[in-house]
Amino acid sequence: MAERLSDVVTQIGHVRQLKAVVTAMRGIAASRAQRGRSLLAGIKAYTGVVSQALGERL
């Protein structure tokens, strides 16, 4: 019985470590998504300028 309890306690520790890793990964993903959204307006403006230039050239 003591071995089983020890195994369960060890497994709980592993799950907590995994939760910390997943939480960190979510934070990184949220940061990257926010950065991408902040750049989107500039990309759209650049696309508009390039499209207009190509249209005039054609």
C-alpha atoms as a PDB file:
ATOM      1  CA  MET A   1       0.000   0.000   0.000  1.00  0.00           C
ATOM      2  CA  ALA A   2       2.838   2.381   0.826  1.00  0.00           C
ATOM      3  CA  GLU A   3       4.379   1.812  -2.606  1.00  0.00           C
ATOM      4  CA  ARG A   4       1.098   2.640  -4.271  1.00  0.00           C
ATOM      5  CA  LEU A   5       0.772   5.853  -2.259  1.00  0.00           C
ATOM      6  CA  SER A   6       4.315   6.802  -3.157  1.00  0.00           C
ATOM      7  CA  ASP A   7       3.585   6.193  -6.837  1.00  0.00           C
ATOM      8  CA  VAL A   8       0.472   8.354  -6.678  1.00  0.00           C
ATOM      9  CA  VAL A   9       2.335  11.175  -4.931  1.00  0.00           C
ATOM     10  CA  THR A  10       5.092  10.987  -7.557  1.00  0.00           C
ATOM     11  CA  GLN A  11       2.536  11.030 -10.377  1.00  0.00           C
ATOM     12  CA  ILE A  12       0.819  14.087  -8.860  1.00  0.00           C
ATOM     13  CA  GLY A  13       4.184  15.854  -8.825  1.00  0.00           C
ATOM     14  CA  HIS A  14       4.704  15.035 -12.510  1.00  0.00           C
ATOM     15  CA  VAL A  15       1.249  16.328 -13.385  1.00  0.00           C
ATOM     16  CA  ARG A  16       1.976  19.586 -11.567  1.00  0.00           C
ATOM     17  CA  GLN A  17       5.237  19.983 -13.474  1.00  0.00           C
ATOM     18  CA  LEU A  18       3.420  19.333 -16.745  1.00  0.00           C
ATOM     19  CA  LYS A  19       0.784  21.906 -15.804  1.00  0.00           C
ATOM     20  CA  ALA A  20       3.527  24.494 -15.245  1.00  0.00           C
ATOM     21  CA  VAL A  21       5.019  23.752 -18.668  1.00  0.00           C
ATOM     22  CA  VAL A  22       1.627  23.975 -20.385  1.00  0.00           C
ATOM     23  CA  THR A  23       0.886  27.262 -18.617  1.00  0.00           C
ATOM     24  CA  ALA A  24       4.207  28.692 -19.787  1.00  0.00           C
ATOM     25  CA  MET A  25       3.538  27.534 -23.356  1.00  0.00           C
ATOM     26  CA  ARG A  26       0.107  29.167 -23.304  1.00  0.00           C
ATOM     27  CA  GLY A  27       1.692  32.414 -22.154  1.00  0.00           C
ATOM     28  CA  ILE A  28       4.236  32.290 -24.964  1.00  0.00           C
ATOM     29  CA  ALA A  29       1.499  31.551 -27.514  1.00  0.00           C
ATOM     30  CA  ALA A  30      -0.649  34.426 -26.236  1.00  0.00           C
ATOM     31  CA  SER A  31       2.306  36.786 -26.456  1.00  0.00           C
ATOM     32  CA  ARG A  32       3.075  35.749 -30.033  1.00  0.00           C
ATOM     33  CA  ALA A  33      -0.577  36.037 -31.043  1.00  0.00           C
ATOM     34  CA  GLN A  34      -0.766  39.540 -29.587  1.00  0.00           C
ATOM     35  CA  ARG A  35       2.417  40.530 -31.431  1.00  0.00           C
ATOM     36  CA  GLY A  36       0.985  39.186 -34.684  1.00  0.00           C
ATOM     37  CA  ARG A  37      -2.253  41.129 -34.223  1.00  0.00           C
ATOM     38  CA  SER A  38      -0.281  44.308 -33.548  1.00  0.00           C
ATOM     39  CA  LEU A  39       1.618  43.875 -36.834  1.00  0.00           C
ATOM     40  CA  LEU A  40      -1.456  43.074 -38.900  1.00  0.00           C
ATOM     41  CA  ALA A  41      -2.484  46.697 -39.586  1.00  0.00           C
ATOM     42  CA  GLY A  42       0.946  47.490 -41.031  1.00  0.00           C
ATOM     43  CA  ILE A  43       0.902  44.377 -43.177  1.00  0.00           C
ATOM     44  CA  LYS A  44      -2.530  45.262 -44.545  1.00  0.00           C
ATOM     45  CA  ALA A  45      -1.365  48.800 -45.356  1.00  0.00           C
ATOM     46  CA  TYR A  46       1.729  47.465 -47.125  1.00  0.00           C
ATOM     47  CA  THR A  47      -0.408  45.014 -49.091  1.00  0.00           C
ATOM     48  CA  GLY A  48      -2.659  47.872 -50.186  1.00  0.00           C
ATOM     49  CA  VAL A  49       0.277  49.946 -51.418  1.00  0.00           C
ATOM     50  CA  VAL A  50       1.793  47.017 -53.315  1.00  0.00           C
ATOM     51  CA  SER A  51      -1.570  46.106 -54.836  1.00  0.00           C
ATOM     52  CA  GLN A  52      -2.128  49.680 -55.983  1.00  0.00           C
ATOM     53  CA  ALA A  53       1.355  49.893 -57.495  1.00  0.00           C
ATOM     54  CA  LEU A  54       0.868  46.620 -59.350  1.00  0.00           C
ATOM     55  CA  GLY A  55      -2.534  47.762 -60.584  1.00  0.00           C
ATOM     56  CA  GLU A  56      -1.071  50.999 -61.916  1.00  0.00           C
ATOM     57  CA  ARG A  57       1.790  49.160 -63.567  1.00  0.00           C
ATOM     58  CA  LEU A  58      -0.525  46.712 -65.328  1.00  0.00           C
END
